Amino acid sequence: MSTARPVSTPYGDGRLVVHRAPRGRFATLLLSHGAGNGVEARDLAALAADLPRQGITVALFEQPWRVAGRRIATAPPTLDVGIEAAVRLLRPPAPFVVGGRSAGARSAARCAAGLGAAGCLALAFPLHPPGRPESSRLAELEAPAAHGVPTLVVQGERDPMGRPEEFPDGIELVVVPAADHGFKVPARGPLSQADALALVVEATLEWIVREVAGNP
């Protein structure tokens, strides 16, 4: 069962869609979207559909710019304000994981420690703009771990914003074979689209159970 609520921010109303675990909840996962799409992104939708059955409540936060129908995301600091407002409204019990895809992953990494999150999930983390590896955002990704917050990166093998081999050792990384930045895989790739999304879900579930659920 899902419920939707507006989230008031200084930049307009966002929207929080909560998919609650029917029983036996042992964690809450708050996810926000990227700069090119909303909470309907395939990876966010797969997590919201599957994880509640495993005891994890999934809350999807849609930023105000997207709710207002604009095509261009607002500046990164405004995304952080949105996530913080969503957490205040959600008031998630421990253990609580914050995450997102692409720009949402960057925002989650910047906010995780300050929000008191027990974990940070970075889906398709944009390590750098396409074709500009010198403009690294690694410091953002490393920030949660520096404050003792476990971080998982799930990355497509063909992601132009950060191929798996570009991430340094020490970062927990799950690779989706042949997937691009949106976790789309080719028709004749090693995994079907359904299997690729199942890998995202299974990796997230295993990590939350292992690293987060036992450390509220």
N, C-alpha and C. Protein backbone atom coordinates (compact mmCIF):
# COMPACT_ATOMS: atom_id res chain seq x y z
N MET A 1 0.85 -1.19 0.00
CA MET A 1 0.00 0.00 0.00
C MET A 1 0.89 1.24 0.00
N SER A 2 0.53 2.23 -0.82
CA SER A 2 1.32 3.45 -0.88
C SER A 2 0.44 4.65 -0.55
N THR A 3 1.07 5.68 0.01
CA THR A 3 0.39 6.93 0.31
C THR A 3 1.26 8.08 -0.19
N ALA A 4 0.63 9.16 -0.63
CA ALA A 4 1.36 10.32 -1.14
C ALA A 4 1.00 11.55 -0.31
N ARG A 5 2.02 12.35 0.02
CA ARG A 5 1.81 13.56 0.81
C ARG A 5 2.67 14.68 0.24
N PRO A 6 2.17 15.92 0.27
CA PRO A 6 3.01 17.05 -0.14
C PRO A 6 4.07 17.33 0.92
N VAL A 7 5.21 17.84 0.46
CA VAL A 7 6.31 18.20 1.35
C VAL A 7 6.62 19.67 1.11
N SER A 8 6.38 20.50 2.11
CA SER A 8 6.62 21.93 1.97
C SER A 8 8.11 22.25 2.10
N THR A 9 8.63 23.01 1.14
CA THR A 9 10.02 23.47 1.19
C THR A 9 10.04 24.94 0.78
N PRO A 10 11.15 25.65 1.04
CA PRO A 10 11.23 27.05 0.60
C PRO A 10 11.19 27.20 -0.92
N TYR A 11 11.33 26.11 -1.66
CA TYR A 11 11.37 26.17 -3.12
C TYR A 11 10.11 25.60 -3.76
N GLY A 12 9.07 25.46 -2.96
CA GLY A 12 7.82 24.90 -3.44
C GLY A 12 7.56 23.54 -2.81
N ASP A 13 6.43 22.97 -3.16
CA ASP A 13 6.06 21.68 -2.58
C ASP A 13 6.68 20.53 -3.35
N GLY A 14 7.31 19.62 -2.59
CA GLY A 14 7.72 18.36 -3.14
C GLY A 14 6.62 17.34 -2.88
N ARG A 15 6.93 16.08 -3.14
CA ARG A 15 5.93 15.03 -2.93
C ARG A 15 6.62 13.79 -2.39
N LEU A 16 6.04 13.21 -1.36
CA LEU A 16 6.58 12.01 -0.73
C LEU A 16 5.59 10.87 -0.93
N VAL A 17 6.05 9.82 -1.59
CA VAL A 17 5.22 8.64 -1.83
C VAL A 17 5.82 7.50 -1.01
N VAL A 18 5.06 7.00 -0.04
CA VAL A 18 5.57 6.00 0.90
C VAL A 18 4.95 4.64 0.59
N HIS A 19 5.81 3.66 0.36
CA HIS A 19 5.40 2.27 0.15
C HIS A 19 5.77 1.51 1.42
N ARG A 20 4.78 1.24 2.25
CA ARG A 20 5.05 0.68 3.56
C ARG A 20 5.14 -0.84 3.53
N ALA A 21 6.09 -1.34 4.31
CA ALA A 21 6.17 -2.78 4.51
C ALA A 21 4.92 -3.23 5.24
N PRO A 22 4.24 -4.28 4.76
CA PRO A 22 2.97 -4.69 5.38
C PRO A 22 3.12 -5.16 6.81
N ARG A 23 4.25 -5.73 7.15
CA ARG A 23 4.46 -6.18 8.52
C ARG A 23 5.96 -6.44 8.72
N GLY A 24 6.37 -6.46 9.95
CA GLY A 24 7.75 -6.81 10.25
C GLY A 24 8.78 -5.84 9.70
N ARG A 25 8.44 -4.54 9.63
CA ARG A 25 9.39 -3.57 9.09
C ARG A 25 10.67 -3.56 9.91
N PHE A 26 11.82 -3.63 9.22
CA PHE A 26 13.07 -3.53 9.97
C PHE A 26 13.97 -2.41 9.47
N ALA A 27 13.55 -1.66 8.46
CA ALA A 27 14.32 -0.51 8.01
C ALA A 27 13.44 0.37 7.13
N THR A 28 13.83 1.63 7.00
CA THR A 28 13.16 2.57 6.11
C THR A 28 14.19 3.14 5.15
N LEU A 29 13.86 3.18 3.87
CA LEU A 29 14.76 3.67 2.82
C LEU A 29 14.09 4.85 2.13
N LEU A 30 14.72 6.02 2.22
CA LEU A 30 14.23 7.22 1.53
C LEU A 30 15.09 7.46 0.30
N LEU A 31 14.44 7.57 -0.86
CA LEU A 31 15.16 7.72 -2.12
C LEU A 31 14.66 8.96 -2.87
N SER A 32 15.59 9.68 -3.50
CA SER A 32 15.21 10.78 -4.37
C SER A 32 15.76 10.53 -5.78
N HIS A 33 15.22 11.24 -6.72
CA HIS A 33 15.51 10.97 -8.13
C HIS A 33 16.65 11.84 -8.67
N GLY A 34 16.93 11.67 -9.97
CA GLY A 34 17.99 12.41 -10.61
C GLY A 34 17.49 13.68 -11.29
N ALA A 35 18.39 14.30 -12.06
CA ALA A 35 18.06 15.57 -12.71
C ALA A 35 17.30 15.38 -14.01
N GLY A 36 17.22 14.15 -14.50
CA GLY A 36 16.58 13.93 -15.78
C GLY A 36 15.26 13.20 -15.71
N ASN A 37 14.84 12.82 -14.53
CA ASN A 37 13.57 12.08 -14.41
C ASN A 37 13.06 12.21 -12.98
N GLY A 38 11.94 11.54 -12.71
CA GLY A 38 11.35 11.60 -11.39
C GLY A 38 11.39 10.26 -10.70
N VAL A 39 10.47 10.06 -9.79
CA VAL A 39 10.47 8.82 -9.00
C VAL A 39 10.00 7.62 -9.80
N GLU A 40 9.62 7.85 -11.05
CA GLU A 40 9.23 6.72 -11.91
C GLU A 40 10.45 6.02 -12.53
N ALA A 41 11.65 6.50 -12.26
CA ALA A 41 12.86 5.86 -12.80
C ALA A 41 12.85 4.37 -12.48
N ARG A 42 13.34 3.57 -13.43
CA ARG A 42 13.18 2.11 -13.33
C ARG A 42 13.79 1.52 -12.06
N ASP A 43 14.92 2.03 -11.61
CA ASP A 43 15.54 1.46 -10.42
C ASP A 43 14.77 1.83 -9.16
N LEU A 44 14.32 3.09 -9.07
CA LEU A 44 13.53 3.50 -7.91
C LEU A 44 12.21 2.74 -7.86
N ALA A 45 11.57 2.58 -9.03
CA ALA A 45 10.30 1.86 -9.07
C ALA A 45 10.47 0.40 -8.67
N ALA A 46 11.57 -0.22 -9.09
CA ALA A 46 11.80 -1.62 -8.74
C ALA A 46 12.01 -1.78 -7.24
N LEU A 47 12.77 -0.87 -6.63
CA LEU A 47 13.01 -0.95 -5.19
C LEU A 47 11.70 -0.73 -4.42
N ALA A 48 10.89 0.23 -4.87
CA ALA A 48 9.62 0.51 -4.18
C ALA A 48 8.64 -0.64 -4.32
N ALA A 49 8.72 -1.38 -5.42
CA ALA A 49 7.80 -2.50 -5.64
C ALA A 49 8.20 -3.74 -4.85
N ASP A 50 9.51 -3.96 -4.71
CA ASP A 50 9.98 -5.24 -4.16
C ASP A 50 10.39 -5.21 -2.69
N LEU A 51 11.02 -4.12 -2.25
CA LEU A 51 11.56 -4.14 -0.89
C LEU A 51 10.51 -4.18 0.22
N PRO A 52 9.35 -3.53 0.08
CA PRO A 52 8.37 -3.64 1.17
C PRO A 52 7.99 -5.07 1.51
N ARG A 53 7.98 -5.95 0.51
CA ARG A 53 7.68 -7.36 0.78
C ARG A 53 8.76 -8.02 1.63
N GLN A 54 9.94 -7.39 1.67
CA GLN A 54 11.06 -7.92 2.44
C GLN A 54 11.20 -7.20 3.79
N GLY A 55 10.21 -6.38 4.15
CA GLY A 55 10.24 -5.72 5.45
C GLY A 55 10.88 -4.35 5.45
N ILE A 56 11.11 -3.77 4.27
CA ILE A 56 11.72 -2.44 4.18
C ILE A 56 10.71 -1.46 3.61
N THR A 57 10.36 -0.44 4.38
CA THR A 57 9.50 0.62 3.89
C THR A 57 10.32 1.52 2.97
N VAL A 58 9.78 1.81 1.78
CA VAL A 58 10.48 2.65 0.81
C VAL A 58 9.69 3.94 0.60
N ALA A 59 10.35 5.07 0.81
CA ALA A 59 9.74 6.38 0.59
C ALA A 59 10.44 7.06 -0.58
N LEU A 60 9.68 7.46 -1.58
CA LEU A 60 10.23 8.13 -2.75
C LEU A 60 9.91 9.62 -2.66
N PHE A 61 10.95 10.44 -2.74
CA PHE A 61 10.76 11.88 -2.64
C PHE A 61 10.96 12.53 -4.01
N GLU A 62 9.92 13.23 -4.46
CA GLU A 62 9.99 13.96 -5.72
C GLU A 62 10.23 15.44 -5.42
N GLN A 63 11.31 15.96 -5.98
CA GLN A 63 11.72 17.33 -5.69
C GLN A 63 10.71 18.34 -6.24
N PRO A 64 10.63 19.53 -5.61
CA PRO A 64 9.66 20.55 -6.04
C PRO A 64 9.75 20.92 -7.51
N TRP A 65 10.95 20.97 -8.06
CA TRP A 65 11.06 21.36 -9.48
C TRP A 65 10.34 20.37 -10.38
N ARG A 66 10.40 19.10 -9.98
CA ARG A 66 9.74 18.07 -10.78
C ARG A 66 8.22 18.11 -10.59
N VAL A 67 7.79 18.29 -9.34
CA VAL A 67 6.35 18.38 -9.06
C VAL A 67 5.72 19.55 -9.81
N ALA A 68 6.48 20.64 -9.94
CA ALA A 68 5.98 21.83 -10.63
C ALA A 68 5.98 21.68 -12.15
N GLY A 69 6.51 20.58 -12.66
CA GLY A 69 6.50 20.34 -14.09
C GLY A 69 7.65 20.97 -14.85
N ARG A 70 8.67 21.45 -14.13
CA ARG A 70 9.81 22.03 -14.82
C ARG A 70 10.74 20.93 -15.33
N ARG A 71 11.50 21.24 -16.36
CA ARG A 71 12.37 20.24 -16.98
C ARG A 71 13.80 20.30 -16.48
N ILE A 72 14.16 21.39 -15.85
CA ILE A 72 15.55 21.57 -15.41
C ILE A 72 15.59 21.59 -13.89
N ALA A 73 16.47 20.76 -13.33
CA ALA A 73 16.59 20.67 -11.87
C ALA A 73 17.14 21.96 -11.29
N THR A 74 16.76 22.26 -10.08
CA THR A 74 17.30 23.41 -9.38
C THR A 74 18.69 23.07 -8.83
N ALA A 75 19.36 24.07 -8.26
CA ALA A 75 20.75 23.92 -7.83
C ALA A 75 20.89 22.86 -6.73
N PRO A 76 22.07 22.21 -6.66
CA PRO A 76 22.27 21.14 -5.67
C PRO A 76 21.87 21.49 -4.25
N PRO A 77 22.18 22.67 -3.72
CA PRO A 77 21.77 22.95 -2.33
C PRO A 77 20.26 22.89 -2.12
N THR A 78 19.48 23.22 -3.15
CA THR A 78 18.02 23.15 -3.01
C THR A 78 17.55 21.70 -2.91
N LEU A 79 18.28 20.78 -3.56
CA LEU A 79 17.92 19.37 -3.48
C LEU A 79 18.14 18.85 -2.06
N ASP A 80 19.21 19.31 -1.43
CA ASP A 80 19.48 18.91 -0.05
C ASP A 80 18.38 19.41 0.89
N VAL A 81 17.93 20.64 0.68
CA VAL A 81 16.85 21.20 1.50
C VAL A 81 15.59 20.36 1.34
N GLY A 82 15.33 19.90 0.11
CA GLY A 82 14.16 19.06 -0.13
C GLY A 82 14.23 17.75 0.62
N ILE A 83 15.39 17.09 0.57
CA ILE A 83 15.55 15.82 1.28
C ILE A 83 15.38 16.02 2.79
N GLU A 84 15.97 17.07 3.30
CA GLU A 84 15.85 17.33 4.74
C GLU A 84 14.39 17.56 5.14
N ALA A 85 13.64 18.26 4.30
CA ALA A 85 12.22 18.48 4.58
C ALA A 85 11.44 17.17 4.53
N ALA A 86 11.80 16.30 3.58
CA ALA A 86 11.12 15.00 3.47
C ALA A 86 11.37 14.16 4.71
N VAL A 87 12.58 14.20 5.23
CA VAL A 87 12.90 13.42 6.43
C VAL A 87 12.13 13.96 7.63
N ARG A 88 12.01 15.26 7.74
CA ARG A 88 11.24 15.83 8.86
C ARG A 88 9.79 15.40 8.81
N LEU A 89 9.22 15.34 7.60
CA LEU A 89 7.83 14.91 7.47
C LEU A 89 7.69 13.41 7.72
N LEU A 90 8.62 12.64 7.18
CA LEU A 90 8.54 11.18 7.30
C LEU A 90 8.80 10.71 8.73
N ARG A 91 9.73 11.37 9.41
CA ARG A 91 10.13 11.00 10.77
C ARG A 91 10.39 9.49 10.86
N PRO A 92 11.32 8.99 10.05
CA PRO A 92 11.53 7.54 10.00
C PRO A 92 12.15 7.00 11.28
N PRO A 93 11.65 5.90 11.78
CA PRO A 93 12.30 5.27 12.93
C PRO A 93 13.60 4.62 12.50
N ALA A 94 14.50 4.43 13.43
CA ALA A 94 15.75 3.76 13.11
C ALA A 94 15.49 2.27 12.89
N PRO A 95 16.29 1.64 12.02
CA PRO A 95 17.34 2.24 11.20
C PRO A 95 16.78 2.85 9.92
N PHE A 96 17.41 3.94 9.51
CA PHE A 96 16.95 4.73 8.38
C PHE A 96 18.10 4.88 7.39
N VAL A 97 17.82 4.62 6.11
CA VAL A 97 18.81 4.75 5.04
C VAL A 97 18.36 5.85 4.09
N VAL A 98 19.27 6.74 3.71
CA VAL A 98 18.96 7.76 2.72
C VAL A 98 19.72 7.41 1.45
N GLY A 99 19.09 7.65 0.31
CA GLY A 99 19.73 7.33 -0.95
C GLY A 99 19.07 8.04 -2.11
N GLY A 100 19.48 7.66 -3.29
CA GLY A 100 18.91 8.26 -4.49
C GLY A 100 19.69 7.81 -5.70
N ARG A 101 19.21 8.26 -6.86
CA ARG A 101 19.93 7.95 -8.09
C ARG A 101 20.50 9.25 -8.69
N SER A 102 21.71 9.16 -9.24
CA SER A 102 22.36 10.27 -9.93
C SER A 102 22.44 11.51 -9.03
N ALA A 103 21.80 12.63 -9.43
CA ALA A 103 21.85 13.83 -8.59
C ALA A 103 21.27 13.56 -7.22
N GLY A 104 20.29 12.67 -7.14
CA GLY A 104 19.74 12.29 -5.84
C GLY A 104 20.73 11.54 -4.98
N ALA A 105 21.62 10.77 -5.63
CA ALA A 105 22.67 10.07 -4.89
C ALA A 105 23.68 11.05 -4.33
N ARG A 106 24.02 12.07 -5.11
CA ARG A 106 24.94 13.10 -4.61
C ARG A 106 24.34 13.80 -3.40
N SER A 107 23.07 14.16 -3.50
CA SER A 107 22.40 14.85 -2.41
C SER A 107 22.34 13.98 -1.16
N ALA A 108 22.03 12.70 -1.35
CA ALA A 108 21.98 11.79 -0.21
C ALA A 108 23.32 11.69 0.48
N ALA A 109 24.40 11.62 -0.31
CA ALA A 109 25.73 11.53 0.26
C ALA A 109 26.09 12.79 1.05
N ARG A 110 25.68 13.94 0.53
CA ARG A 110 25.97 15.19 1.24
C ARG A 110 25.20 15.29 2.55
N CYS A 111 24.00 14.70 2.58
CA CYS A 111 23.10 14.87 3.73
C CYS A 111 23.15 13.75 4.75
N ALA A 112 23.67 12.57 4.38
CA ALA A 112 23.50 11.36 5.19
C ALA A 112 23.93 11.55 6.64
N ALA A 113 25.12 12.06 6.85
CA ALA A 113 25.62 12.17 8.23
C ALA A 113 24.77 13.15 9.04
N GLY A 114 24.44 14.30 8.44
CA GLY A 114 23.66 15.30 9.15
C GLY A 114 22.26 14.85 9.49
N LEU A 115 21.73 13.92 8.68
CA LEU A 115 20.38 13.40 8.94
C LEU A 115 20.38 12.26 9.95
N GLY A 116 21.55 11.81 10.35
CA GLY A 116 21.63 10.69 11.28
C GLY A 116 21.30 9.36 10.63
N ALA A 117 21.50 9.26 9.31
CA ALA A 117 21.19 8.02 8.60
C ALA A 117 22.15 6.91 9.01
N ALA A 118 21.62 5.68 8.98
CA ALA A 118 22.45 4.51 9.28
C ALA A 118 23.15 3.98 8.05
N GLY A 119 22.80 4.50 6.87
CA GLY A 119 23.42 4.06 5.64
C GLY A 119 23.09 5.01 4.51
N CYS A 120 23.89 4.94 3.43
CA CYS A 120 23.68 5.78 2.26
C CYS A 120 23.75 4.90 1.03
N LEU A 121 22.71 4.94 0.20
CA LEU A 121 22.63 4.15 -1.02
C LEU A 121 22.78 5.08 -2.22
N ALA A 122 23.82 4.85 -3.00
CA ALA A 122 24.11 5.69 -4.17
C ALA A 122 23.89 4.88 -5.44
N LEU A 123 22.80 5.15 -6.12
CA LEU A 123 22.48 4.47 -7.37
C LEU A 123 22.95 5.34 -8.54
N ALA A 124 23.76 4.75 -9.43
CA ALA A 124 24.26 5.48 -10.61
C ALA A 124 24.91 6.80 -10.18
N PHE A 125 25.86 6.70 -9.25
CA PHE A 125 26.50 7.92 -8.74
C PHE A 125 27.25 8.61 -9.87
N PRO A 126 26.97 9.91 -10.11
CA PRO A 126 27.66 10.64 -11.20
C PRO A 126 29.03 11.12 -10.73
N LEU A 127 29.99 10.24 -10.82
CA LEU A 127 31.33 10.53 -10.31
C LEU A 127 31.93 11.76 -10.98
N HIS A 128 31.52 12.01 -12.22
CA HIS A 128 31.97 13.19 -12.95
C HIS A 128 31.00 13.44 -14.09
N PRO A 129 30.97 14.65 -14.65
CA PRO A 129 30.14 14.87 -15.85
C PRO A 129 30.66 14.01 -17.00
N PRO A 130 29.81 13.66 -17.96
CA PRO A 130 30.26 12.83 -19.08
C PRO A 130 31.46 13.44 -19.81
N GLY A 131 32.51 12.63 -19.97
CA GLY A 131 33.69 13.08 -20.68
C GLY A 131 34.59 14.03 -19.91
N ARG A 132 34.33 14.23 -18.63
CA ARG A 132 35.13 15.17 -17.83
C ARG A 132 35.57 14.53 -16.51
N PRO A 133 36.39 13.50 -16.59
CA PRO A 133 36.81 12.81 -15.36
C PRO A 133 37.61 13.69 -14.41
N GLU A 134 38.15 14.80 -14.92
CA GLU A 134 38.90 15.70 -14.04
C GLU A 134 37.99 16.45 -13.07
N SER A 135 36.70 16.51 -13.37
CA SER A 135 35.74 17.20 -12.49
C SER A 135 35.11 16.17 -11.54
N SER A 136 35.91 15.66 -10.64
CA SER A 136 35.47 14.55 -9.79
C SER A 136 34.58 15.02 -8.64
N ARG A 137 33.59 14.18 -8.35
CA ARG A 137 32.73 14.41 -7.19
C ARG A 137 32.98 13.36 -6.11
N LEU A 138 34.16 12.79 -6.13
CA LEU A 138 34.50 11.72 -5.20
C LEU A 138 34.37 12.17 -3.75
N ALA A 139 34.73 13.41 -3.46
CA ALA A 139 34.66 13.89 -2.07
C ALA A 139 33.25 13.78 -1.51
N GLU A 140 32.25 14.05 -2.34
CA GLU A 140 30.86 13.91 -1.88
C GLU A 140 30.56 12.46 -1.52
N LEU A 141 31.00 11.55 -2.38
CA LEU A 141 30.71 10.13 -2.16
C LEU A 141 31.41 9.60 -0.91
N GLU A 142 32.57 10.11 -0.62
CA GLU A 142 33.33 9.63 0.53
C GLU A 142 32.90 10.26 1.85
N ALA A 143 32.09 11.30 1.79
CA ALA A 143 31.70 12.02 3.00
C ALA A 143 30.96 11.15 4.01
N PRO A 144 29.97 10.33 3.61
CA PRO A 144 29.28 9.53 4.64
C PRO A 144 30.22 8.60 5.40
N ALA A 145 31.07 7.88 4.68
CA ALA A 145 31.99 6.95 5.34
C ALA A 145 32.92 7.66 6.30
N ALA A 146 33.30 8.90 5.96
CA ALA A 146 34.17 9.67 6.85
C ALA A 146 33.50 9.95 8.19
N HIS A 147 32.16 9.87 8.22
CA HIS A 147 31.40 10.07 9.46
C HIS A 147 30.85 8.75 9.99
N GLY A 148 31.36 7.65 9.48
CA GLY A 148 30.95 6.34 9.99
C GLY A 148 29.65 5.81 9.42
N VAL A 149 29.20 6.37 8.29
CA VAL A 149 27.96 5.93 7.66
C VAL A 149 28.28 5.00 6.50
N PRO A 150 27.91 3.72 6.56
CA PRO A 150 28.20 2.80 5.46
C PRO A 150 27.54 3.27 4.16
N THR A 151 28.25 3.08 3.04
CA THR A 151 27.75 3.52 1.75
C THR A 151 27.85 2.39 0.73
N LEU A 152 26.79 2.21 -0.04
CA LEU A 152 26.81 1.25 -1.14
C LEU A 152 26.58 2.01 -2.44
N VAL A 153 27.43 1.74 -3.43
CA VAL A 153 27.27 2.28 -4.78
C VAL A 153 26.82 1.14 -5.69
N VAL A 154 25.75 1.37 -6.44
CA VAL A 154 25.31 0.43 -7.47
C VAL A 154 25.47 1.16 -8.80
N GLN A 155 26.31 0.64 -9.67
CA GLN A 155 26.73 1.37 -10.86
C GLN A 155 26.63 0.50 -12.11
N GLY A 156 26.17 1.09 -13.19
CA GLY A 156 26.14 0.40 -14.47
C GLY A 156 27.55 0.27 -15.04
N GLU A 157 27.81 -0.84 -15.69
CA GLU A 157 29.13 -1.09 -16.26
C GLU A 157 29.49 -0.08 -17.35
N ARG A 158 28.47 0.47 -18.03
CA ARG A 158 28.71 1.40 -19.13
C ARG A 158 28.29 2.83 -18.77
N ASP A 159 28.30 3.17 -17.52
CA ASP A 159 27.84 4.50 -17.10
C ASP A 159 28.87 5.55 -17.51
N PRO A 160 28.52 6.50 -18.40
CA PRO A 160 29.48 7.51 -18.83
C PRO A 160 29.82 8.53 -17.75
N MET A 161 29.07 8.52 -16.65
CA MET A 161 29.36 9.44 -15.56
C MET A 161 30.19 8.78 -14.46
N GLY A 162 30.71 7.63 -14.75
CA GLY A 162 31.56 6.93 -13.78
C GLY A 162 31.51 5.44 -14.01
N ARG A 163 32.47 4.93 -14.75
CA ARG A 163 32.54 3.48 -14.95
C ARG A 163 33.10 2.84 -13.68
N PRO A 164 32.75 1.61 -13.42
CA PRO A 164 33.18 0.97 -12.16
C PRO A 164 34.68 1.07 -11.88
N GLU A 165 35.50 0.94 -12.93
CA GLU A 165 36.95 0.97 -12.71
C GLU A 165 37.46 2.35 -12.32
N GLU A 166 36.63 3.37 -12.44
CA GLU A 166 37.05 4.72 -12.04
C GLU A 166 36.87 4.96 -10.55
N PHE A 167 36.15 4.11 -9.87
CA PHE A 167 35.95 4.29 -8.43
C PHE A 167 37.15 3.71 -7.69
N PRO A 168 37.62 4.38 -6.65
CA PRO A 168 38.79 3.88 -5.92
C PRO A 168 38.47 2.67 -5.06
N ASP A 169 39.52 1.94 -4.72
CA ASP A 169 39.35 0.83 -3.79
C ASP A 169 38.84 1.36 -2.45
N GLY A 170 38.11 0.52 -1.77
CA GLY A 170 37.58 0.90 -0.47
C GLY A 170 36.14 1.32 -0.51
N ILE A 171 35.60 1.57 -1.71
CA ILE A 171 34.19 1.90 -1.85
C ILE A 171 33.44 0.62 -2.19
N GLU A 172 32.40 0.31 -1.44
CA GLU A 172 31.62 -0.90 -1.73
C GLU A 172 30.80 -0.65 -2.98
N LEU A 173 31.05 -1.48 -3.99
CA LEU A 173 30.50 -1.23 -5.32
C LEU A 173 29.90 -2.50 -5.89
N VAL A 174 28.66 -2.39 -6.37
CA VAL A 174 28.00 -3.49 -7.09
C VAL A 174 27.84 -3.03 -8.54
N VAL A 175 28.28 -3.86 -9.46
CA VAL A 175 28.26 -3.52 -10.89
C VAL A 175 27.10 -4.25 -11.57
N VAL A 176 26.33 -3.51 -12.34
CA VAL A 176 25.26 -4.10 -13.16
C VAL A 176 25.82 -4.28 -14.57
N PRO A 177 26.07 -5.51 -15.01
CA PRO A 177 26.73 -5.74 -16.29
C PRO A 177 26.00 -5.08 -17.48
N ALA A 178 26.78 -4.38 -18.29
CA ALA A 178 26.32 -3.78 -19.55
C ALA A 178 25.31 -2.65 -19.37
N ALA A 179 25.01 -2.26 -18.14
CA ALA A 179 23.99 -1.23 -17.90
C ALA A 179 24.56 0.17 -18.08
N ASP A 180 23.70 1.09 -18.51
CA ASP A 180 24.10 2.49 -18.65
C ASP A 180 23.73 3.28 -17.39
N HIS A 181 23.72 4.60 -17.50
CA HIS A 181 23.46 5.44 -16.32
C HIS A 181 22.05 5.23 -15.76
N GLY A 182 21.11 4.85 -16.62
CA GLY A 182 19.75 4.59 -16.16
C GLY A 182 19.48 3.12 -15.88
N PHE A 183 20.55 2.32 -15.82
CA PHE A 183 20.47 0.86 -15.64
C PHE A 183 19.72 0.18 -16.79
N LYS A 184 19.69 0.83 -17.94
CA LYS A 184 19.15 0.18 -19.13
C LYS A 184 20.22 -0.73 -19.71
N VAL A 185 19.84 -1.93 -20.11
CA VAL A 185 20.79 -2.89 -20.68
C VAL A 185 20.41 -3.19 -22.12
N PRO A 186 21.39 -3.54 -22.96
CA PRO A 186 21.08 -3.86 -24.35
C PRO A 186 20.27 -5.14 -24.47
N ALA A 187 19.50 -5.22 -25.56
CA ALA A 187 18.61 -6.36 -25.76
C ALA A 187 19.37 -7.68 -25.79
N ARG A 188 20.60 -7.65 -26.29
CA ARG A 188 21.38 -8.88 -26.37
C ARG A 188 22.54 -8.90 -25.37
N GLY A 189 22.35 -8.21 -24.26
CA GLY A 189 23.38 -8.17 -23.23
C GLY A 189 23.39 -9.41 -22.37
N PRO A 190 24.29 -9.45 -21.38
CA PRO A 190 24.39 -10.63 -20.52
C PRO A 190 23.22 -10.80 -19.57
N LEU A 191 22.48 -9.71 -19.31
CA LEU A 191 21.30 -9.77 -18.44
C LEU A 191 20.10 -9.19 -19.17
N SER A 192 18.93 -9.73 -18.88
CA SER A 192 17.70 -9.09 -19.35
C SER A 192 17.47 -7.84 -18.50
N GLN A 193 16.54 -6.97 -18.96
CA GLN A 193 16.24 -5.79 -18.16
C GLN A 193 15.68 -6.17 -16.80
N ALA A 194 14.83 -7.19 -16.77
CA ALA A 194 14.26 -7.64 -15.49
C ALA A 194 15.35 -8.16 -14.57
N ASP A 195 16.30 -8.89 -15.11
CA ASP A 195 17.39 -9.43 -14.28
C ASP A 195 18.30 -8.32 -13.77
N ALA A 196 18.53 -7.30 -14.60
CA ALA A 196 19.36 -6.18 -14.17
C ALA A 196 18.73 -5.46 -12.98
N LEU A 197 17.44 -5.22 -13.05
CA LEU A 197 16.75 -4.55 -11.94
C LEU A 197 16.67 -5.46 -10.72
N ALA A 198 16.53 -6.76 -10.93
CA ALA A 198 16.55 -7.69 -9.80
C ALA A 198 17.89 -7.65 -9.09
N LEU A 199 18.96 -7.46 -9.85
CA LEU A 199 20.29 -7.35 -9.24
C LEU A 199 20.38 -6.10 -8.37
N VAL A 200 19.83 -4.99 -8.84
CA VAL A 200 19.82 -3.76 -8.04
C VAL A 200 19.07 -3.99 -6.73
N VAL A 201 17.91 -4.63 -6.82
CA VAL A 201 17.09 -4.88 -5.62
C VAL A 201 17.80 -5.83 -4.67
N GLU A 202 18.32 -6.93 -5.19
CA GLU A 202 18.96 -7.93 -4.33
C GLU A 202 20.20 -7.38 -3.66
N ALA A 203 21.00 -6.61 -4.39
CA ALA A 203 22.21 -6.03 -3.80
C ALA A 203 21.85 -5.06 -2.69
N THR A 204 20.81 -4.25 -2.92
CA THR A 204 20.38 -3.30 -1.89
C THR A 204 19.87 -4.01 -0.65
N LEU A 205 19.04 -5.03 -0.85
CA LEU A 205 18.49 -5.78 0.27
C LEU A 205 19.60 -6.44 1.08
N GLU A 206 20.52 -7.11 0.41
CA GLU A 206 21.61 -7.80 1.12
C GLU A 206 22.44 -6.81 1.92
N TRP A 207 22.72 -5.65 1.34
CA TRP A 207 23.54 -4.65 2.03
C TRP A 207 22.81 -4.08 3.24
N ILE A 208 21.52 -3.78 3.11
CA ILE A 208 20.77 -3.23 4.25
C ILE A 208 20.72 -4.26 5.38
N VAL A 209 20.48 -5.51 5.05
CA VAL A 209 20.42 -6.54 6.08
C VAL A 209 21.79 -6.68 6.77
N ARG A 210 22.85 -6.63 5.98
CA ARG A 210 24.19 -6.87 6.51
C ARG A 210 24.76 -5.67 7.26
N GLU A 211 24.62 -4.48 6.68
CA GLU A 211 25.34 -3.32 7.20
C GLU A 211 24.47 -2.37 8.04
N VAL A 212 23.17 -2.41 7.82
CA VAL A 212 22.32 -1.38 8.42
C VAL A 212 21.37 -1.93 9.47
N ALA A 213 20.67 -3.00 9.14
CA ALA A 213 19.60 -3.47 10.02
C ALA A 213 20.08 -3.81 11.42
N GLY A 214 21.30 -4.26 11.52
CA GLY A 214 21.83 -4.61 12.84
C GLY A 214 22.47 -3.45 13.56
N ASN A 215 22.42 -2.23 12.94
CA ASN A 215 23.07 -1.07 13.56
C ASN A 215 22.14 0.10 13.56
N PRO A 216 21.01 0.04 14.26
CA PRO A 216 20.05 1.14 14.27
C PRO A 216 20.65 2.39 14.91
